[in-house]
Amino acid sequence: MKERSFHLLKRLTSLSLKNQTASHDLEFDNEHEALGAMYVIEGSTLGGNVIAKQLSKTEGFDEVTFNFFGCYQENTGPMWKNFKEVLDTEVAEENYSKVLSGAKKLYTFLLNVN
């Protein structure tokens, strides 16, 4: 997560954008909700690679770096598989709803960032 934060701050700076405080808090009630949020974040690395590849082929993006989208580089697949394995082995079925709750909280938070 620190690696992704670093790349995101780097991207904000390169676009001359300020890192602002969120307009509302994001809180998780338990470890399972936090894992749900991590599922969203880690899952975005898979799509990020696709986005970065497509944008790098697009005119006007020649000099743009895509550090945030490709933060794990060639390790994206193995990192995702490792994270998914942790979820599959550590989260009991009766806690799935808590994991989903955390994912929903993060999506709601991200949709309200302005």
N, C-alpha and C. Protein backbone atom coordinates (compact mmCIF):
# COMPACT_ATOMS: atom_id res chain seq x y z
N MET A 1 0.82 -1.19 0.00
CA MET A 1 0.00 0.00 0.00
C MET A 1 0.87 1.26 0.00
N LYS A 2 1.99 1.23 0.71
CA LYS A 2 2.87 2.39 0.73
C LYS A 2 3.39 2.69 -0.67
N GLU A 3 3.70 1.65 -1.41
CA GLU A 3 4.19 1.80 -2.78
C GLU A 3 3.14 2.51 -3.63
N ARG A 4 1.90 2.12 -3.50
CA ARG A 4 0.82 2.74 -4.28
C ARG A 4 0.62 4.19 -3.85
N SER A 5 0.68 4.47 -2.56
CA SER A 5 0.53 5.85 -2.08
C SER A 5 1.63 6.74 -2.65
N PHE A 6 2.85 6.23 -2.64
CA PHE A 6 3.98 6.97 -3.19
C PHE A 6 3.73 7.33 -4.65
N HIS A 7 3.32 6.35 -5.45
CA HIS A 7 3.08 6.59 -6.87
C HIS A 7 1.90 7.53 -7.11
N LEU A 8 0.89 7.44 -6.28
CA LEU A 8 -0.26 8.33 -6.42
C LEU A 8 0.14 9.77 -6.12
N LEU A 9 0.91 9.98 -5.06
CA LEU A 9 1.38 11.33 -4.74
C LEU A 9 2.29 11.87 -5.84
N LYS A 10 3.11 11.01 -6.39
CA LYS A 10 3.99 11.40 -7.50
C LYS A 10 3.15 11.83 -8.70
N ARG A 11 2.09 11.09 -9.00
CA ARG A 11 1.20 11.42 -10.12
C ARG A 11 0.50 12.75 -9.88
N LEU A 12 0.00 12.98 -8.66
CA LEU A 12 -0.66 14.24 -8.34
C LEU A 12 0.29 15.41 -8.55
N THR A 13 1.52 15.26 -8.10
CA THR A 13 2.52 16.31 -8.26
C THR A 13 2.80 16.58 -9.73
N SER A 14 2.97 15.53 -10.52
CA SER A 14 3.27 15.71 -11.94
C SER A 14 2.13 16.39 -12.69
N LEU A 15 0.91 16.26 -12.18
CA LEU A 15 -0.25 16.90 -12.81
C LEU A 15 -0.56 18.26 -12.18
N SER A 16 0.33 18.72 -11.29
CA SER A 16 0.15 19.99 -10.57
C SER A 16 -1.14 20.02 -9.75
N LEU A 17 -1.50 18.87 -9.18
CA LEU A 17 -2.68 18.78 -8.33
C LEU A 17 -2.24 18.70 -6.87
N LYS A 18 -3.07 19.21 -5.99
CA LYS A 18 -2.77 19.19 -4.57
C LYS A 18 -3.37 17.95 -3.92
N ASN A 19 -2.66 17.44 -2.93
CA ASN A 19 -3.18 16.34 -2.12
C ASN A 19 -4.06 16.96 -1.05
N GLN A 20 -5.36 16.81 -1.18
CA GLN A 20 -6.30 17.43 -0.26
C GLN A 20 -6.90 16.39 0.69
N THR A 21 -7.34 16.88 1.82
CA THR A 21 -8.00 16.02 2.79
C THR A 21 -9.39 15.65 2.27
N ALA A 22 -9.77 14.41 2.48
CA ALA A 22 -11.10 13.95 2.04
C ALA A 22 -12.19 14.72 2.77
N SER A 23 -13.32 14.89 2.10
CA SER A 23 -14.43 15.63 2.68
C SER A 23 -15.18 14.83 3.75
N HIS A 24 -14.95 13.53 3.81
CA HIS A 24 -15.58 12.71 4.84
C HIS A 24 -14.65 11.55 5.21
N ASP A 25 -14.88 11.01 6.40
CA ASP A 25 -14.01 9.95 6.91
C ASP A 25 -14.36 8.59 6.31
N LEU A 26 -13.36 7.75 6.29
CA LEU A 26 -13.55 6.36 5.88
C LEU A 26 -13.12 5.50 7.05
N GLU A 27 -14.06 4.79 7.64
CA GLU A 27 -13.77 3.96 8.80
C GLU A 27 -14.28 2.54 8.58
N PHE A 28 -13.51 1.60 9.07
CA PHE A 28 -13.89 0.19 8.97
C PHE A 28 -14.12 -0.34 10.38
N ASP A 29 -15.17 -1.12 10.53
CA ASP A 29 -15.55 -1.61 11.85
C ASP A 29 -14.75 -2.82 12.30
N ASN A 30 -14.11 -3.50 11.37
CA ASN A 30 -13.38 -4.71 11.74
C ASN A 30 -12.38 -5.07 10.64
N GLU A 31 -11.58 -6.07 10.93
CA GLU A 31 -10.55 -6.54 10.00
C GLU A 31 -11.15 -7.01 8.67
N HIS A 32 -12.31 -7.61 8.73
CA HIS A 32 -12.94 -8.12 7.51
C HIS A 32 -13.34 -6.99 6.56
N GLU A 33 -13.85 -5.90 7.12
CA GLU A 33 -14.17 -4.75 6.28
C GLU A 33 -12.91 -4.17 5.66
N ALA A 34 -11.83 -4.13 6.43
CA ALA A 34 -10.56 -3.63 5.89
C ALA A 34 -10.08 -4.52 4.74
N LEU A 35 -10.25 -5.82 4.88
CA LEU A 35 -9.88 -6.74 3.80
C LEU A 35 -10.73 -6.51 2.56
N GLY A 36 -12.00 -6.16 2.75
CA GLY A 36 -12.86 -5.85 1.62
C GLY A 36 -12.38 -4.62 0.87
N ALA A 37 -11.93 -3.62 1.61
CA ALA A 37 -11.38 -2.42 0.97
C ALA A 37 -10.08 -2.76 0.23
N MET A 38 -9.27 -3.59 0.85
CA MET A 38 -8.02 -4.00 0.20
C MET A 38 -8.30 -4.80 -1.07
N TYR A 39 -9.37 -5.56 -1.08
CA TYR A 39 -9.76 -6.32 -2.27
C TYR A 39 -10.00 -5.36 -3.44
N VAL A 40 -10.68 -4.26 -3.16
CA VAL A 40 -10.95 -3.25 -4.19
C VAL A 40 -9.63 -2.64 -4.68
N ILE A 41 -8.78 -2.26 -3.75
CA ILE A 41 -7.52 -1.60 -4.10
C ILE A 41 -6.59 -2.55 -4.85
N GLU A 42 -6.41 -3.73 -4.31
CA GLU A 42 -5.52 -4.69 -4.96
C GLU A 42 -6.08 -5.15 -6.30
N GLY A 43 -7.38 -5.31 -6.37
CA GLY A 43 -8.01 -5.71 -7.63
C GLY A 43 -7.83 -4.66 -8.71
N SER A 44 -7.74 -3.40 -8.29
CA SER A 44 -7.56 -2.33 -9.28
C SER A 44 -6.21 -2.41 -9.98
N THR A 45 -5.26 -3.11 -9.37
CA THR A 45 -3.95 -3.24 -10.03
C THR A 45 -4.06 -4.05 -11.31
N LEU A 46 -4.99 -4.99 -11.35
CA LEU A 46 -5.18 -5.80 -12.56
C LEU A 46 -5.67 -4.93 -13.71
N GLY A 47 -6.70 -4.14 -13.44
CA GLY A 47 -7.22 -3.24 -14.46
C GLY A 47 -6.26 -2.11 -14.78
N GLY A 48 -5.48 -1.71 -13.78
CA GLY A 48 -4.51 -0.63 -13.98
C GLY A 48 -3.49 -0.96 -15.04
N ASN A 49 -3.05 -2.20 -15.07
CA ASN A 49 -2.09 -2.61 -16.11
C ASN A 49 -2.70 -2.49 -17.49
N VAL A 50 -3.94 -2.88 -17.64
CA VAL A 50 -4.63 -2.79 -18.93
C VAL A 50 -4.76 -1.32 -19.34
N ILE A 51 -5.18 -0.48 -18.41
CA ILE A 51 -5.33 0.95 -18.69
C ILE A 51 -4.00 1.56 -19.10
N ALA A 52 -2.94 1.27 -18.35
CA ALA A 52 -1.62 1.82 -18.65
C ALA A 52 -1.14 1.40 -20.03
N LYS A 53 -1.32 0.14 -20.38
CA LYS A 53 -0.89 -0.34 -21.71
C LYS A 53 -1.63 0.38 -22.82
N GLN A 54 -2.93 0.54 -22.67
CA GLN A 54 -3.73 1.20 -23.70
C GLN A 54 -3.38 2.68 -23.81
N LEU A 55 -3.26 3.36 -22.69
CA LEU A 55 -2.94 4.79 -22.73
C LEU A 55 -1.55 5.04 -23.29
N SER A 56 -0.60 4.16 -22.99
CA SER A 56 0.76 4.36 -23.50
C SER A 56 0.83 4.27 -25.02
N LYS A 57 -0.16 3.64 -25.63
CA LYS A 57 -0.22 3.54 -27.10
C LYS A 57 -1.00 4.70 -27.72
N THR A 58 -1.58 5.54 -26.89
CA THR A 58 -2.46 6.60 -27.37
C THR A 58 -1.68 7.90 -27.58
N GLU A 59 -1.96 8.55 -28.69
CA GLU A 59 -1.31 9.81 -29.00
C GLU A 59 -1.57 10.82 -27.89
N GLY A 60 -0.54 11.55 -27.52
CA GLY A 60 -0.66 12.54 -26.47
C GLY A 60 -0.23 12.04 -25.10
N PHE A 61 0.02 10.75 -24.99
CA PHE A 61 0.44 10.18 -23.71
C PHE A 61 1.89 9.69 -23.78
N ASP A 62 2.63 10.15 -24.79
CA ASP A 62 4.00 9.69 -25.02
C ASP A 62 4.90 9.90 -23.80
N GLU A 63 4.76 11.05 -23.16
CA GLU A 63 5.67 11.39 -22.07
C GLU A 63 5.05 11.21 -20.69
N VAL A 64 3.92 10.56 -20.63
CA VAL A 64 3.25 10.33 -19.35
C VAL A 64 3.75 9.02 -18.76
N THR A 65 4.09 9.06 -17.48
CA THR A 65 4.47 7.82 -16.80
C THR A 65 3.23 7.26 -16.11
N PHE A 66 3.17 5.98 -16.01
CA PHE A 66 2.01 5.32 -15.42
C PHE A 66 2.42 4.54 -14.18
N ASN A 67 3.21 5.16 -13.32
CA ASN A 67 3.72 4.49 -12.12
C ASN A 67 2.61 3.95 -11.24
N PHE A 68 1.56 4.75 -11.05
CA PHE A 68 0.48 4.32 -10.15
C PHE A 68 -0.24 3.10 -10.71
N PHE A 69 -0.53 3.12 -12.02
CA PHE A 69 -1.25 2.00 -12.62
C PHE A 69 -0.43 0.72 -12.63
N GLY A 70 0.87 0.84 -12.74
CA GLY A 70 1.70 -0.36 -12.83
C GLY A 70 2.65 -0.51 -11.67
N CYS A 71 2.19 -0.22 -10.47
CA CYS A 71 3.09 -0.18 -9.32
C CYS A 71 3.77 -1.52 -9.03
N TYR A 72 3.14 -2.63 -9.36
CA TYR A 72 3.76 -3.93 -9.10
C TYR A 72 4.49 -4.47 -10.33
N GLN A 73 4.34 -3.79 -11.45
CA GLN A 73 4.97 -4.16 -12.72
C GLN A 73 4.72 -5.63 -13.04
N GLU A 74 5.78 -6.40 -13.29
CA GLU A 74 5.60 -7.80 -13.68
C GLU A 74 5.12 -8.70 -12.53
N ASN A 75 5.07 -8.15 -11.34
CA ASN A 75 4.62 -8.93 -10.18
C ASN A 75 3.13 -8.79 -9.90
N THR A 76 2.40 -8.10 -10.77
CA THR A 76 0.98 -7.86 -10.53
C THR A 76 0.21 -9.17 -10.36
N GLY A 77 0.37 -10.09 -11.28
CA GLY A 77 -0.33 -11.38 -11.20
C GLY A 77 -0.02 -12.14 -9.92
N PRO A 78 1.27 -12.35 -9.62
CA PRO A 78 1.61 -13.06 -8.39
C PRO A 78 1.13 -12.34 -7.11
N MET A 79 1.20 -11.01 -7.11
CA MET A 79 0.74 -10.26 -5.93
C MET A 79 -0.76 -10.46 -5.73
N TRP A 80 -1.52 -10.40 -6.83
CA TRP A 80 -2.96 -10.60 -6.74
C TRP A 80 -3.28 -12.02 -6.26
N LYS A 81 -2.60 -13.00 -6.84
CA LYS A 81 -2.84 -14.40 -6.44
C LYS A 81 -2.54 -14.61 -4.97
N ASN A 82 -1.48 -13.99 -4.49
CA ASN A 82 -1.11 -14.11 -3.08
C ASN A 82 -2.19 -13.48 -2.19
N PHE A 83 -2.63 -12.29 -2.56
CA PHE A 83 -3.68 -11.63 -1.78
C PHE A 83 -4.96 -12.46 -1.78
N LYS A 84 -5.34 -12.94 -2.93
CA LYS A 84 -6.57 -13.75 -3.07
C LYS A 84 -6.46 -15.04 -2.25
N GLU A 85 -5.28 -15.62 -2.21
CA GLU A 85 -5.07 -16.83 -1.41
C GLU A 85 -5.27 -16.55 0.07
N VAL A 86 -4.77 -15.40 0.53
CA VAL A 86 -4.97 -15.02 1.93
C VAL A 86 -6.47 -14.89 2.22
N LEU A 87 -7.19 -14.20 1.34
CA LEU A 87 -8.64 -14.08 1.53
C LEU A 87 -9.32 -15.44 1.58
N ASP A 88 -8.97 -16.28 0.62
CA ASP A 88 -9.62 -17.59 0.52
C ASP A 88 -9.35 -18.49 1.72
N THR A 89 -8.18 -18.36 2.32
CA THR A 89 -7.83 -19.23 3.44
C THR A 89 -8.16 -18.63 4.81
N GLU A 90 -8.18 -17.31 4.90
CA GLU A 90 -8.33 -16.66 6.21
C GLU A 90 -9.74 -16.15 6.51
N VAL A 91 -10.57 -16.00 5.50
CA VAL A 91 -11.91 -15.46 5.73
C VAL A 91 -12.94 -16.58 5.65
N ALA A 92 -13.60 -16.82 6.77
CA ALA A 92 -14.64 -17.85 6.81
C ALA A 92 -15.90 -17.33 6.12
N GLU A 93 -16.67 -18.25 5.57
CA GLU A 93 -17.86 -17.88 4.80
C GLU A 93 -18.83 -16.99 5.58
N GLU A 94 -18.93 -17.21 6.88
CA GLU A 94 -19.85 -16.39 7.67
C GLU A 94 -19.41 -14.93 7.78
N ASN A 95 -18.17 -14.63 7.36
CA ASN A 95 -17.67 -13.26 7.39
C ASN A 95 -17.66 -12.59 6.01
N TYR A 96 -18.13 -13.28 4.99
CA TYR A 96 -18.16 -12.71 3.63
C TYR A 96 -18.93 -11.39 3.59
N SER A 97 -20.03 -11.31 4.32
CA SER A 97 -20.84 -10.08 4.29
C SER A 97 -20.06 -8.89 4.86
N LYS A 98 -19.19 -9.14 5.83
CA LYS A 98 -18.37 -8.07 6.40
C LYS A 98 -17.33 -7.61 5.37
N VAL A 99 -16.75 -8.55 4.64
CA VAL A 99 -15.79 -8.21 3.59
C VAL A 99 -16.48 -7.36 2.52
N LEU A 100 -17.67 -7.78 2.12
CA LEU A 100 -18.44 -7.02 1.13
C LEU A 100 -18.79 -5.63 1.64
N SER A 101 -19.08 -5.52 2.91
CA SER A 101 -19.40 -4.22 3.51
C SER A 101 -18.20 -3.27 3.39
N GLY A 102 -17.00 -3.78 3.63
CA GLY A 102 -15.80 -2.97 3.51
C GLY A 102 -15.57 -2.51 2.07
N ALA A 103 -15.80 -3.41 1.12
CA ALA A 103 -15.65 -3.05 -0.29
C ALA A 103 -16.65 -1.96 -0.66
N LYS A 104 -17.89 -2.10 -0.20
CA LYS A 104 -18.92 -1.10 -0.49
C LYS A 104 -18.56 0.25 0.14
N LYS A 105 -18.03 0.22 1.37
CA LYS A 105 -17.64 1.47 2.02
C LYS A 105 -16.57 2.18 1.21
N LEU A 106 -15.59 1.44 0.70
CA LEU A 106 -14.53 2.07 -0.08
C LEU A 106 -15.08 2.62 -1.39
N TYR A 107 -15.90 1.85 -2.09
CA TYR A 107 -16.49 2.34 -3.34
C TYR A 107 -17.31 3.61 -3.09
N THR A 108 -18.09 3.63 -2.03
CA THR A 108 -18.90 4.81 -1.70
C THR A 108 -17.99 6.00 -1.42
N PHE A 109 -16.93 5.77 -0.67
CA PHE A 109 -15.97 6.83 -0.36
C PHE A 109 -15.36 7.38 -1.64
N LEU A 110 -14.90 6.49 -2.52
CA LEU A 110 -14.25 6.92 -3.76
C LEU A 110 -15.22 7.67 -4.67
N LEU A 111 -16.46 7.24 -4.71
CA LEU A 111 -17.46 7.93 -5.53
C LEU A 111 -17.77 9.34 -5.02
N ASN A 112 -17.51 9.57 -3.74
CA ASN A 112 -17.79 10.88 -3.16
C ASN A 112 -16.57 11.78 -3.03
N VAL A 113 -15.43 11.32 -3.51
CA VAL A 113 -14.22 12.16 -3.49
C VAL A 113 -14.40 13.22 -4.56
N ASN A 114 -14.16 14.46 -4.18
CA ASN A 114 -14.29 15.53 -5.17
C ASN A 114 -13.20 16.55 -5.04
